[in-house]
Each structure stands twice: as C-alpha cells, then as structure tokens.
Amino acid sequence: MEITRRDFLGAAALAVTSGVLPARAARPFRLGLTPVFLDNDAAVIERLQVALTGALGIPVQMEQRRTYKEVTEMLLEGALDAAWLCGFPYLQNRDALSLVAVPVWNGAPLYQSYLIVGAGDDAASLDDLEGDVHAFSDPDSNSGFLVTVSDLAMKGLRAEEFFGRTIFTYGHRNVARAVSSGLVRSGSIDGYVWEVLAKMEPAITENTRVIARSEWLGFPPVCARRDRMRDGDIIGFQDVVLNFGNTAEGRAALDLLQLDGMARATPELFDGIARRMQILNNLR
C-alpha cells in the first residue's frame, strides 16, 4: 500500500500528541583515563563508570589510552569531555585546560613521587644509581619522569647521560613490576599508586624498596577544556564529581581507589610541578 505525504504527517502528529515518539539517545559523557590510574584494574574502572552513569543520568564512556599524550590530545581535540590527567600535562596545556576537580588522598590533594629499587638493593639515594638501568612511567608523567629528571637537572645532569639506559613502561604498576623482577635496577613511580598497590596487590611491591620521596605535589587532576567549562554537561559532571562521596555508588568507587573524595583546586596547587618544569627547561 502506498503511503502518501498526508498519511506520514498524520501519523507523525498522532505520535507527538500521544507521546510515543522514541526519545533521542543521550550522547555518552566521554571520560579519559591515563596510566596515572590504577591501570588495567577492570573492577575499579567498572565501579567508577557505574557510579558516574548513575549520578549523571546519562551513559559514561570510559576511554583508556597507553600514553598521557594520547589522552591529552583527545581532550584538546574534543574527542573527550573530561580526563583524569597529571599535573605535568595539565601545566603543559594550561592555556587550553581548566581544573574540574582534584582527588583528595589521606586528607589532602597531594602526593609524592617515589624512587624505588629492588628490596635487596643497597642503594641509598639517586646518586647510587649512576650507570644502571632505570624505568620511567611516561615522558609526560610528573611522578614517573619529571621529578627524577629535574632532580638530576639540579645537579647539572641529564638522565640519558647519568643512567646507563632508561625505558618507559607506560604504567606505574609496570614500573614496580620492572624493578621487582630485576628487569631494571630502579624506577620512578607515583607514590599514591605504590602505596595502594602495597595494600591491594602486595606481590607487586614487596620486592621493591623506596629510597627517596619527593616533596608533596598537586595530585593528578581531572580536567576539561577551558572553553567548555560553562557547558551544561561539564557543569553537571563537576557537580557530580565534587559530591561523589555523598552517594553509595560514588563512595564505593572512592573506597576502591582509596581516595577520600574530590575537591576544587586552583592552578597554584601545581606550583611545585611548575618549578620542576622550569628547572628542567633551564638545563635544556
């Protein structure tokens, strides 16, 4: 039977008046995760996704990538709505990015970089590691790269000259594994990740030892593009994240991450990282 234009319009009008038109599917909120996260922990990621989806009322799509650079570029290009980054890439792109929230760990939005060696290694400081193999996490990681190379820069040294060889593991958990297995002598690792692994997966850290801790620095932040901070979905996401601990699902996700909650922050929180960036730039 031929359907005329009049028939089509009549059916559409009936659907509108009867309220049976299908609702347009909401676009998912796209959240990027970098290796600062407890990489490859499916249970944590799933719990976080469920909690955010329930609180936002729309699907949340979690996007993980191997490197900080990939996630940062996706955020800058608009392929992500927000991303849990690191203070180093945030400061590298401070003109284009804004802070949504910063995690609170052990009562403060701060963490440290750890320098680790094997549990039986007799090294006492960075100076003792000259000529040996060292594992970094990522070239855009503060705790997994910048802290150690800026420590060397303060001595007038470059990492590629000080260490016999360096590798990038692209994950803090992988730094601990590389040191634990003896693949490398030492590694630069996120202190928060090392401490959480020591509690949740002690087999990964029990054969490592911390020989140096950095000063307290701004915890890896959740960021969005500066030009989108007044968008409704970003405002809604920020409200959800800042109140994450007030819901059962949000509290459960925070407990898995061993975080107290999320807080507002200003760029000044990352002044310590900015100083280290300047130290490195001065050497170059």
Protein backbone atom coordinates (compact mmCIF):
# COMPACT_ATOMS: atom_id res chain seq x y z
CA MET A 1 0.00 0.00 0.00
CA GLU A 2 1.37 3.40 -0.94
CA ILE A 3 1.92 5.80 1.96
CA THR A 4 1.20 9.38 0.99
CA ARG A 5 2.81 12.51 2.45
CA ARG A 6 -0.53 13.26 4.16
CA ASP A 7 -0.54 9.81 5.78
CA PHE A 8 3.04 10.31 7.00
CA LEU A 9 2.36 13.73 8.50
CA GLY A 10 -0.84 12.48 10.11
CA ALA A 11 0.99 9.59 11.75
CA ALA A 12 3.75 11.88 12.99
CA ALA A 13 1.23 14.29 14.51
CA LEU A 14 -0.54 11.39 16.25
CA ALA A 15 2.76 10.15 17.65
CA VAL A 16 3.56 13.59 19.05
CA THR A 17 0.16 14.06 20.66
CA SER A 18 0.16 10.56 22.12
CA GLY A 19 3.71 10.91 23.46
CA VAL A 20 5.04 7.76 21.80
CA LEU A 21 7.89 9.26 19.79
CA PRO A 22 11.12 7.49 20.75
CA ALA A 23 13.44 9.66 22.87
CA ARG A 24 16.73 10.70 21.26
CA ALA A 25 19.52 8.70 22.79
CA ALA A 26 21.69 10.84 25.05
CA ARG A 27 25.29 11.19 23.87
CA PRO A 28 27.62 9.46 26.32
CA PHE A 29 29.86 11.57 28.51
CA ARG A 30 33.38 10.67 27.45
CA LEU A 31 35.94 10.45 30.29
CA GLY A 32 39.60 9.79 29.55
CA LEU A 33 41.88 7.82 31.87
CA THR A 34 45.67 7.86 31.73
CA PRO A 35 48.25 5.48 33.25
CA VAL A 36 48.13 7.59 36.43
CA PHE A 37 45.05 5.48 37.06
CA LEU A 38 45.45 2.03 38.57
CA ASP A 39 45.93 0.73 35.05
CA ASN A 40 44.18 -2.41 33.88
CA ASP A 41 42.06 -2.72 37.03
CA ALA A 42 38.75 -3.59 35.40
CA ALA A 43 36.81 -3.76 38.67
CA VAL A 44 37.79 -0.21 39.66
CA ILE A 45 37.02 1.17 36.21
CA GLU A 46 33.64 -0.57 36.07
CA ARG A 47 32.65 0.69 39.53
CA LEU A 48 33.68 4.22 38.59
CA GLN A 49 31.70 4.03 35.35
CA VAL A 50 28.57 2.72 37.09
CA ALA A 51 28.75 5.42 39.77
CA LEU A 52 29.21 8.26 37.26
CA THR A 53 26.48 6.96 34.95
CA GLY A 54 24.02 6.72 37.83
CA ALA A 55 24.81 10.19 39.13
CA LEU A 56 24.84 11.92 35.73
CA GLY A 57 21.79 10.12 34.38
CA ILE A 58 23.46 9.51 31.01
CA PRO A 59 25.89 6.83 29.82
CA VAL A 60 29.52 7.43 30.68
CA GLN A 61 32.09 6.12 28.23
CA MET A 62 35.50 5.41 29.74
CA GLU A 63 38.39 5.91 27.33
CA GLN A 64 41.78 4.48 28.27
CA ARG A 65 44.94 5.01 26.29
CA ARG A 66 48.53 3.84 26.71
CA THR A 67 50.15 7.26 27.00
CA TYR A 68 49.42 10.58 28.66
CA LYS A 69 49.99 12.28 25.31
CA GLU A 70 47.21 10.34 23.59
CA VAL A 71 44.64 11.17 26.26
CA THR A 72 45.68 14.82 26.46
CA GLU A 73 45.44 15.23 22.69
CA MET A 74 42.00 13.58 22.65
CA LEU A 75 40.81 16.06 25.28
CA LEU A 76 42.24 19.05 23.43
CA GLU A 77 40.70 17.89 20.13
CA GLY A 78 37.25 17.44 21.65
CA ALA A 79 37.17 13.64 21.45
CA LEU A 80 36.78 13.60 25.26
CA ASP A 81 34.62 15.73 27.55
CA ALA A 82 36.99 15.45 30.51
CA ALA A 83 40.05 13.46 31.51
CA TRP A 84 41.90 12.39 34.63
CA LEU A 85 45.33 13.67 33.69
CA CYS A 86 48.52 14.52 35.57
CA GLY A 87 49.82 17.86 36.77
CA PHE A 88 52.59 17.86 34.16
CA PRO A 89 50.40 17.68 31.01
CA TYR A 90 47.88 20.00 32.67
CA LEU A 91 50.59 22.64 33.07
CA GLN A 92 51.94 21.99 29.58
CA ASN A 93 48.48 22.95 28.29
CA ARG A 94 47.38 25.37 30.99
CA ASP A 95 46.12 27.94 28.47
CA ALA A 96 43.67 25.43 26.99
CA LEU A 97 42.67 23.37 30.06
CA SER A 98 40.88 24.07 33.34
CA LEU A 99 40.63 22.13 36.57
CA VAL A 100 37.37 20.27 37.21
CA ALA A 101 38.42 18.61 40.47
CA VAL A 102 41.41 17.16 42.27
CA PRO A 103 41.31 13.89 44.25
CA VAL A 104 41.90 14.06 47.99
CA TRP A 105 44.17 11.34 49.37
CA ASN A 106 44.95 10.94 53.06
CA GLY A 107 43.30 14.26 53.79
CA ALA A 108 44.96 16.42 51.13
CA PRO A 109 45.04 16.86 47.32
CA LEU A 110 48.72 15.94 47.34
CA TYR A 111 51.01 13.05 46.53
CA GLN A 112 54.72 12.29 46.06
CA SER A 113 56.98 10.70 43.52
CA TYR A 114 58.90 7.67 44.79
CA LEU A 115 62.29 6.42 43.66
CA ILE A 116 62.35 2.64 44.09
CA VAL A 117 64.90 -0.16 43.84
CA GLY A 118 64.82 -3.88 44.49
CA ALA A 119 64.20 -4.90 48.10
CA GLY A 120 67.72 -6.29 48.46
CA ASP A 121 69.47 -3.42 46.69
CA ASP A 122 71.89 -1.41 48.86
CA ALA A 123 71.33 1.91 47.04
CA ALA A 124 70.54 4.77 49.41
CA SER A 125 69.90 7.66 47.00
CA LEU A 126 69.67 8.68 43.37
CA ASP A 127 73.44 9.21 43.30
CA ASP A 128 73.97 5.48 43.82
CA LEU A 129 72.14 4.58 40.61
CA GLU A 130 74.57 6.11 38.12
CA GLY A 131 75.28 3.91 35.12
CA ASP A 132 72.43 1.47 35.78
CA VAL A 133 69.09 0.81 34.05
CA HIS A 134 66.13 2.93 35.17
CA ALA A 135 62.40 2.66 34.44
CA PHE A 136 60.25 5.74 33.85
CA SER A 137 56.49 5.55 33.55
CA ASP A 138 55.75 8.08 30.79
CA PRO A 139 57.59 11.13 29.37
CA ASP A 140 54.62 13.33 30.33
CA SER A 141 54.30 11.99 33.88
CA ASN A 142 55.27 14.19 36.81
CA SER A 143 55.94 11.43 39.34
CA GLY A 144 57.06 8.89 36.75
CA PHE A 145 59.52 11.13 34.91
CA LEU A 146 59.69 14.86 35.66
CA VAL A 147 60.66 14.59 39.33
CA THR A 148 63.67 12.36 38.70
CA VAL A 149 64.95 14.19 35.62
CA SER A 150 64.58 17.57 37.38
CA ASP A 151 66.45 16.16 40.42
CA LEU A 152 69.27 15.28 38.02
CA ALA A 153 68.97 18.67 36.30
CA MET A 154 69.58 20.39 39.65
CA LYS A 155 72.94 18.57 39.64
CA GLY A 156 73.60 19.67 36.07
CA LEU A 157 72.99 16.13 34.78
CA ARG A 158 70.80 14.66 32.05
CA ALA A 159 69.03 11.32 32.52
CA GLU A 160 70.38 9.88 29.28
CA GLU A 161 73.92 10.61 30.46
CA PHE A 162 73.50 9.63 34.12
CA PHE A 163 71.77 6.28 33.67
CA GLY A 164 73.30 3.50 31.61
CA ARG A 165 69.92 3.01 29.93
CA THR A 166 66.31 4.09 30.51
CA ILE A 167 62.99 2.55 29.49
CA PHE A 168 59.38 3.73 29.54
CA THR A 169 56.88 1.21 30.89
CA TYR A 170 53.71 3.28 30.22
CA GLY A 171 52.10 2.45 33.54
CA HIS A 172 53.12 2.91 37.18
CA ARG A 173 52.23 -0.67 38.00
CA ASN A 174 54.64 -1.69 35.24
CA VAL A 175 57.44 0.35 36.83
CA ALA A 176 57.00 -1.64 40.05
CA ARG A 177 56.96 -4.90 38.10
CA ALA A 178 60.11 -3.98 36.18
CA VAL A 179 62.01 -3.22 39.38
CA SER A 180 60.58 -6.21 41.26
CA SER A 181 61.57 -8.65 38.50
CA GLY A 182 65.08 -7.24 38.15
CA LEU A 183 64.49 -6.05 34.59
CA VAL A 184 65.77 -2.67 35.78
CA ARG A 185 67.63 -1.60 38.89
CA SER A 186 65.46 1.40 39.74
CA GLY A 187 62.27 3.20 38.81
CA SER A 188 60.31 6.44 39.17
CA ILE A 189 56.75 5.79 40.33
CA ASP A 190 53.63 7.57 41.57
CA GLY A 191 53.73 7.30 45.36
CA TYR A 192 49.94 7.02 45.60
CA VAL A 193 49.93 4.10 43.17
CA TRP A 194 52.80 2.37 45.02
CA GLU A 195 51.04 2.74 48.37
CA VAL A 196 47.71 1.46 47.00
CA LEU A 197 49.41 -1.49 45.32
CA ALA A 198 51.26 -2.27 48.56
CA LYS A 199 47.86 -2.71 50.23
CA MET A 200 45.82 -4.25 47.41
CA GLU A 201 48.44 -6.21 45.45
CA PRO A 202 51.47 -6.56 47.74
CA ALA A 203 53.06 -9.18 45.49
CA ILE A 204 53.86 -6.38 43.03
CA THR A 205 55.64 -4.13 45.54
CA GLU A 206 57.04 -6.49 48.19
CA ASN A 207 60.27 -6.96 46.23
CA THR A 208 60.79 -3.20 45.91
CA ARG A 209 62.01 -0.56 48.34
CA VAL A 210 61.52 3.21 48.41
CA ILE A 211 64.81 5.08 48.70
CA ALA A 212 63.61 8.63 48.01
CA ARG A 213 60.38 10.61 48.19
CA SER A 214 59.77 13.97 46.54
CA GLU A 215 58.16 16.96 48.18
CA TRP A 216 54.34 16.93 48.28
CA LEU A 217 52.93 17.94 44.91
CA GLY A 218 49.49 18.56 43.42
CA PHE A 219 47.59 15.30 42.90
CA PRO A 220 46.79 14.34 39.27
CA PRO A 221 43.70 16.41 38.41
CA VAL A 222 40.52 15.90 36.43
CA CYS A 223 40.49 18.47 33.61
CA ALA A 224 38.27 19.77 30.83
CA ARG A 225 38.85 22.23 28.03
CA ARG A 226 38.77 25.81 29.25
CA ASP A 227 36.29 26.84 26.56
CA ARG A 228 33.80 24.21 27.71
CA MET A 229 33.72 24.90 31.44
CA ARG A 230 30.35 26.68 31.15
CA ASP A 231 28.74 23.89 29.11
CA GLY A 232 25.87 22.19 30.90
CA ASP A 233 27.37 18.71 30.71
CA ILE A 234 30.70 19.86 32.17
CA ILE A 235 28.96 21.79 34.96
CA GLY A 236 26.86 18.71 35.74
CA PHE A 237 29.91 16.44 35.69
CA GLN A 238 31.84 18.74 38.01
CA ASP A 239 28.94 18.83 40.47
CA VAL A 240 28.72 15.03 40.44
CA VAL A 241 32.45 14.57 40.93
CA LEU A 242 32.69 17.08 43.78
CA ASN A 243 29.83 15.32 45.57
CA PHE A 244 30.92 11.80 44.70
CA GLY A 245 31.29 10.71 48.31
CA ASN A 246 27.66 11.55 49.09
CA THR A 247 26.23 8.60 47.15
CA ALA A 248 26.59 4.90 47.88
CA GLU A 249 27.98 4.10 44.42
CA GLY A 250 30.33 7.07 44.48
CA ARG A 251 31.60 6.18 47.94
CA ALA A 252 32.19 2.60 46.85
CA ALA A 253 34.24 3.79 43.86
CA LEU A 254 36.29 6.14 46.04
CA ASP A 255 36.92 3.34 48.54
CA LEU A 256 38.26 1.10 45.77
CA LEU A 257 40.55 3.93 44.73
CA GLN A 258 41.46 4.57 48.39
CA LEU A 259 40.59 8.24 47.97
CA ASP A 260 38.80 10.48 50.48
CA GLY A 261 36.91 12.40 47.83
CA MET A 262 37.26 15.16 45.25
CA ALA A 263 37.84 18.87 45.83
CA ARG A 264 38.04 22.13 43.93
CA ALA A 265 41.54 23.40 43.20
CA THR A 266 43.32 26.39 41.72
CA PRO A 267 46.38 26.33 39.45
CA GLU A 268 48.57 27.34 42.40
CA LEU A 269 48.27 23.77 43.70
CA PHE A 270 50.66 22.78 40.93
CA ASP A 271 53.32 25.43 41.54
CA GLY A 272 55.76 22.76 42.74
CA ILE A 273 55.46 20.90 39.45
CA ALA A 274 55.82 24.18 37.56
CA ARG A 275 59.08 24.84 39.40
CA ARG A 276 60.40 21.45 38.37
CA MET A 277 59.42 22.09 34.77
CA GLN A 278 61.41 25.33 34.88
CA ILE A 279 64.45 23.57 36.37
CA LEU A 280 64.40 21.07 33.50
CA ASN A 281 63.92 23.80 30.90
CA ASN A 282 66.89 25.70 32.31
CA LEU A 283 69.14 22.69 31.72
CA ARG A 284 67.94 22.31 28.14
